[in-house]
C-alpha atoms as a PDB file:
ATOM      1  CA  MET A   1      79.236  58.091  87.243  1.00  0.00           C
ATOM      2  CA  THR A   2      82.812  57.666  88.175  1.00  0.00           C
ATOM      3  CA  MET A   3      84.137  59.325  85.150  1.00  0.00           C
ATOM      4  CA  ARG A   4      82.215  62.418  85.715  1.00  0.00           C
ATOM      5  CA  ARG A   5      83.368  62.743  89.117  1.00  0.00           C
ATOM      6  CA  TYR A   6      86.895  62.743  87.694  1.00  0.00           C
ATOM      7  CA  SER A   7      86.282  65.204  84.812  1.00  0.00           C
ATOM      8  CA  ASN A   8      86.279  67.938  87.310  1.00  0.00           C
ATOM      9  CA  LEU A   9      89.893  66.903  88.598  1.00  0.00           C
ATOM     10  CA  ARG A  10      91.330  67.233  85.090  1.00  0.00           C
ATOM     11  CA  PRO A  11      91.977  70.926  85.085  1.00  0.00           C
ATOM     12  CA  ALA A  12      93.465  70.773  88.398  1.00  0.00           C
ATOM     13  CA  LEU A  13      95.800  67.974  87.469  1.00  0.00           C
ATOM     14  CA  ALA A  14      96.790  69.763  84.380  1.00  0.00           C
ATOM     15  CA  TRP A  15      97.703  72.904  86.295  1.00  0.00           C
ATOM     16  CA  GLY A  16      99.706  71.201  88.688  1.00  0.00           C
ATOM     17  CA  GLY A  17     101.460  69.259  86.140  1.00  0.00           C
ATOM     18  CA  SER A  18     102.165  72.372  84.520  1.00  0.00           C
ATOM     19  CA  PHE A  19     103.540  73.938  87.509  1.00  0.00           C
ATOM     20  CA  GLY A  20     105.512  71.121  88.530  1.00  0.00           C
ATOM     21  CA  ALA A  21     107.205  70.958  84.904  1.00  0.00           C
ATOM     22  CA  VAL A  22     108.101  74.614  85.311  1.00  0.00           C
ATOM     23  CA  VAL A  23     109.669  74.128  88.897  1.00  0.00           C
ATOM     24  CA  LEU A  24     111.682  71.107  87.510  1.00  0.00           C
ATOM     25  CA  LEU A  25     112.909  72.733  84.484  1.00  0.00           C
ATOM     26  CA  TRP A  26     113.875  75.857  86.472  1.00  0.00           C
ATOM     27  CA  GLN A  27     115.632  73.608  88.860  1.00  0.00           C
ATOM     28  CA  CYS A  28     117.456  71.729  86.171  1.00  0.00           C
ATOM     29  CA  ALA A  29     118.462  75.088  84.385  1.00  0.00           C
ATOM     30  CA  ALA A  30     119.918  76.293  88.163  1.00  0.00           C
ATOM     31  CA  LEU A  31     122.267  73.330  87.758  1.00  0.00           C
ATOM     32  CA  VAL A  32     123.467  74.720  84.097  1.00  0.00           C
ATOM     33  CA  VAL A  33     123.296  78.402  84.589  1.00  0.00           C
ATOM     34  CA  ALA A  34     124.513  80.527  87.465  1.00  0.00           C
ATOM     35  CA  LEU A  35     120.928  81.253  88.902  1.00  0.00           C
ATOM     36  CA  PRO A  36     119.239  79.906  91.951  1.00  0.00           C
ATOM     37  CA  GLY A  37     116.710  77.277  91.644  1.00  0.00           C
ATOM     38  CA  PRO A  38     113.764  76.876  93.708  1.00  0.00           C
ATOM     39  CA  LEU A  39     115.558  74.632  96.278  1.00  0.00           C
ATOM     40  CA  ALA A  40     118.124  77.279  96.776  1.00  0.00           C
ATOM     41  CA  ILE A  41     115.517  80.005  97.310  1.00  0.00           C
ATOM     42  CA  MET A  42     113.608  77.745  99.863  1.00  0.00           C
ATOM     43  CA  ARG A  43     116.567  76.966 101.822  1.00  0.00           C
ATOM     44  CA  ARG A  44     117.607  80.841 101.875  1.00  0.00           C
ATOM     45  CA  ILE A  45     114.306  81.753 103.139  1.00  0.00           C
ATOM     46  CA  GLY A  46     114.558  79.108 105.627  1.00  0.00           C
ATOM     47  CA  THR A  47     118.035  80.576 106.709  1.00  0.00           C
ATOM     48  CA  ASP A  48     116.889  84.456 106.668  1.00  0.00           C
ATOM     49  CA  GLY A  49     113.384  83.726 108.227  1.00  0.00           C
ATOM     50  CA  PRO A  50     110.193  84.689 106.190  1.00  0.00           C
ATOM     51  CA  ALA A  51     110.013  87.663 108.365  1.00  0.00           C
ATOM     52  CA  LEU A  52     112.848  89.572 106.281  1.00  0.00           C
ATOM     53  CA  TYR A  53     111.031  88.916 102.998  1.00  0.00           C
ATOM     54  CA  TRP A  54     107.674  89.779 104.401  1.00  0.00           C
ATOM     55  CA  ASN A  55     108.936  93.104 105.647  1.00  0.00           C
ATOM     56  CA  ALA A  56     110.645  93.776 102.653  1.00  0.00           C
ATOM     57  CA  GLY A  57     107.623  92.973 100.327  1.00  0.00           C
ATOM     58  CA  LEU A  58     105.420  95.456 102.688  1.00  0.00           C
ATOM     59  CA  ALA A  59     107.837  98.341 102.115  1.00  0.00           C
ATOM     60  CA  THR A  60     107.758  97.615  98.318  1.00  0.00           C
ATOM     61  CA  LEU A  61     104.124  97.627  98.460  1.00  0.00           C
ATOM     62  CA  ARG A  62     103.818 100.957 100.654  1.00  0.00           C
ATOM     63  CA  CYS A  63     105.749 103.041  97.703  1.00  0.00           C
ATOM     64  CA  ALA A  64     104.685 101.052  94.603  1.00  0.00           C
ATOM     65  CA  LEU A  65     100.985 100.825  95.523  1.00  0.00           C
ATOM     66  CA  PRO A  66     100.362 104.484  95.600  1.00  0.00           C
ATOM     67  CA  GLY A  67     102.496 105.330  92.726  1.00  0.00           C
ATOM     68  CA  TRP A  68     100.599 102.613  90.472  1.00  0.00           C
ATOM     69  CA  ALA A  69      97.150 103.746  91.920  1.00  0.00           C
ATOM     70  CA  GLY A  70      98.055 107.599  91.175  1.00  0.00           C
ATOM     71  CA  ALA A  71      99.467 106.696  87.904  1.00  0.00           C
ATOM     72  CA  THR A  72      96.121 104.697  86.988  1.00  0.00           C
ATOM     73  CA  VAL A  73      94.005 107.840  88.145  1.00  0.00           C
ATOM     74  CA  ALA A  74      96.125 110.339  86.115  1.00  0.00           C
ATOM     75  CA  ALA A  75      96.246 108.099  82.899  1.00  0.00           C
ATOM     76  CA  ALA A  76      92.369 108.050  83.023  1.00  0.00           C
ATOM     77  CA  LEU A  77      91.996 111.534  83.541  1.00  0.00           C
ATOM     78  CA  CYS A  78      94.394 112.252  80.826  1.00  0.00           C
ATOM     79  CA  ALA A  79      92.924 109.579  78.569  1.00  0.00           C
ATOM     80  CA  LEU A  80      88.960 110.504  78.826  1.00  0.00           C
ATOM     81  CA  PRO A  81      89.771 114.205  77.093  1.00  0.00           C
ATOM     82  CA  ALA A  82      92.112 112.563  74.744  1.00  0.00           C
ATOM     83  CA  THR A  83      89.308 110.331  73.398  1.00  0.00           C
ATOM     84  CA  MET A  84      86.786 112.966  73.386  1.00  0.00           C
ATOM     85  CA  TRP A  85      89.010 115.272  71.376  1.00  0.00           C
ATOM     86  CA  PRO A  86      91.510 113.038  69.391  1.00  0.00           C
ATOM     87  CA  VAL A  87      93.355 116.204  68.540  1.00  0.00           C
ATOM     88  CA  LEU A  88      94.868 115.948  72.073  1.00  0.00           C
ATOM     89  CA  ALA A  89      96.142 112.350  71.587  1.00  0.00           C
ATOM     90  CA  PRO A  90      99.472 112.902  70.010  1.00  0.00           C
ATOM     91  CA  GLY A  91     100.638 115.513  72.511  1.00  0.00           C
ATOM     92  CA  LEU A  92      99.596 113.365  75.257  1.00  0.00           C
ATOM     93  CA  PHE A  93     101.262 110.115  73.856  1.00  0.00           C
ATOM     94  CA  GLN A  94     104.279 112.168  73.515  1.00  0.00           C
ATOM     95  CA  LEU A  95     104.049 113.137  77.083  1.00  0.00           C
ATOM     96  CA  GLY A  96     103.621 109.387  78.268  1.00  0.00           C
ATOM     97  CA  VAL A  97     106.427 108.346  76.046  1.00  0.00           C
ATOM     98  CA  MET A  98     108.808 111.169  77.842  1.00  0.00           C
ATOM     99  CA  SER A  99     107.458 110.073  81.316  1.00  0.00           C
ATOM    100  CA  TYR A 100     108.038 106.320  80.677  1.00  0.00           C
ATOM    101  CA  CYS A 101     111.772 106.856  78.874  1.00  0.00           C
ATOM    102  CA  LEU A 102     112.939 109.313  81.412  1.00  0.00           C
ATOM    103  CA  PRO A 103     115.910 107.830  82.970  1.00  0.00           C
ATOM    104  CA  SER A 104     115.314 106.936  86.588  1.00  0.00           C
ATOM    105  CA  LEU A 105     118.980 107.416  87.335  1.00  0.00           C
ATOM    106  CA  ALA A 106     118.794 110.973  86.335  1.00  0.00           C
ATOM    107  CA  ILE A 107     115.412 112.178  87.882  1.00  0.00           C
ATOM    108  CA  GLY A 108     115.722 109.823  91.146  1.00  0.00           C
ATOM    109  CA  PRO A 109     118.321 112.363  92.982  1.00  0.00           C
ATOM    110  CA  VAL A 110     116.009 115.424  91.931  1.00  0.00           C
ATOM    111  CA  LEU A 111     113.312 113.778  93.442  1.00  0.00           C
ATOM    112  CA  MET A 112     115.314 113.081  96.359  1.00  0.00           C
ATOM    113  CA  ILE A 113     115.655 116.758  97.021  1.00  0.00           C
ATOM    114  CA  VAL A 114     112.187 117.951  96.155  1.00  0.00           C
ATOM    115  CA  LEU A 115     110.312 115.172  98.126  1.00  0.00           C
ATOM    116  CA  ASP A 116     110.563 113.775 101.693  1.00  0.00           C
ATOM    117  CA  GLY A 117     110.040 110.234 102.920  1.00  0.00           C
ATOM    118  CA  ASP A 118     108.674 107.821 100.352  1.00  0.00           C
ATOM    119  CA  GLY A 119     107.793 110.302  97.862  1.00  0.00           C
ATOM    120  CA  PRO A 120     110.669 109.692  95.637  1.00  0.00           C
ATOM    121  CA  ARG A 121     109.929 106.113  95.614  1.00  0.00           C
ATOM    122  CA  ILE A 122     106.390 106.619  95.039  1.00  0.00           C
ATOM    123  CA  MET A 123     106.914 109.235  92.192  1.00  0.00           C
ATOM    124  CA  LEU A 124     109.209 106.793  90.320  1.00  0.00           C
ATOM    125  CA  ALA A 125     106.869 103.966  90.560  1.00  0.00           C
ATOM    126  CA  ALA A 126     103.990 106.332  89.170  1.00  0.00           C
ATOM    127  CA  LEU A 127     106.634 107.437  86.063  1.00  0.00           C
ATOM    128  CA  ALA A 128     107.126 103.689  85.709  1.00  0.00           C
ATOM    129  CA  SER A 129     103.458 102.843  85.109  1.00  0.00           C
ATOM    130  CA  PHE A 130     101.733 105.888  83.932  1.00  0.00           C
ATOM    131  CA  PHE A 131     102.500 105.174  80.150  1.00  0.00           C
ATOM    132  CA  THR A 132     101.364 101.773  80.052  1.00  0.00           C
ATOM    133  CA  MET A 133      98.075 102.632  81.972  1.00  0.00           C
ATOM    134  CA  LEU A 134      97.560 105.384  79.606  1.00  0.00           C
ATOM    135  CA  VAL A 135      97.870 103.364  76.466  1.00  0.00           C
ATOM    136  CA  GLY A 136      95.826 100.620  77.825  1.00  0.00           C
ATOM    137  CA  THR A 137      93.208 103.016  78.783  1.00  0.00           C
ATOM    138  CA  MET A 138      93.232 104.710  75.690  1.00  0.00           C
ATOM    139  CA  THR A 139      93.009 101.379  73.917  1.00  0.00           C
ATOM    140  CA  GLY A 140      90.063 100.312  75.819  1.00  0.00           C
ATOM    141  CA  LEU A 141      88.203 103.541  75.339  1.00  0.00           C
ATOM    142  CA  ARG A 142      88.747 103.501  71.785  1.00  0.00           C
ATOM    143  CA  ALA A 143      87.644  99.973  71.425  1.00  0.00           C
ATOM    144  CA  CYS A 144      83.981 101.033  70.648  1.00  0.00           C
ATOM    145  CA  SER A 145      83.176 100.762  67.188  1.00  0.00           C
ATOM    146  CA  PRO A 146      82.148 103.662  65.000  1.00  0.00           C
ATOM    147  CA  SER A 147      78.505 102.149  64.506  1.00  0.00           C
ATOM    148  CA  GLN A 148      78.174 102.033  68.383  1.00  0.00           C
ATOM    149  CA  THR A 149      79.346 105.791  68.526  1.00  0.00           C
ATOM    150  CA  LEU A 150      77.051 106.621  65.639  1.00  0.00           C
ATOM    151  CA  LEU A 151      74.130 104.820  67.425  1.00  0.00           C
ATOM    152  CA  VAL A 152      74.673 106.885  70.678  1.00  0.00           C
ATOM    153  CA  THR A 153      74.609 110.113  68.481  1.00  0.00           C
ATOM    154  CA  ALA A 154      71.811 108.925  66.456  1.00  0.00           C
ATOM    155  CA  PHE A 155      69.885 108.839  69.892  1.00  0.00           C
ATOM    156  CA  GLY A 156      70.859 112.129  71.075  1.00  0.00           C
ATOM    157  CA  GLY A 157      73.901 111.309  72.912  1.00  0.00           C
ATOM    158  CA  THR A 158      77.094 113.561  73.216  1.00  0.00           C
ATOM    159  CA  VAL A 159      80.610 112.362  72.917  1.00  0.00           C
ATOM    160  CA  SER A 160      80.922 112.417  76.661  1.00  0.00           C
ATOM    161  CA  ILE A 161      77.980 109.871  76.921  1.00  0.00           C
ATOM    162  CA  GLY A 162      79.540 107.692  74.320  1.00  0.00           C
ATOM    163  CA  THR A 163      82.530 107.571  76.370  1.00  0.00           C
ATOM    164  CA  GLN A 164      80.422 106.520  79.748  1.00  0.00           C
ATOM    165  CA  LYS A 165      78.622 103.965  77.878  1.00  0.00           C
END
């Protein structure tokens, strides 16, 4: 009976032990290499106050979240036709690679001139995440095996029906 009660505790102990080991290794590495350890970070948060980090995190989310969401929607809208008509995929991937490799230092000032407020930061977040979202969406949509696609076609389904299912 007691063994059963403690068997549910094992995963939590394993996770906690692993987390503690990583934090301890990080602290030891901070003594050797010039990077802040967990204790220094906690001291700094105590000195600056948590409100500073909370406000900075919210400001980052205010720009990053809409950019990521827009890139996700754009990637899905681009990946669907490219999956249904594979002839479009190479050009779409070239566009994605171009958006991913576009240097932020080069496009940032142009976006600052063209867009107002948080627009440039939102656009940079979208450019940074569009390609990875496109690749993930295309991979997921292409994961359907040819036999499954053939089954949908055999039952009278179209390519768009196969993509939806």
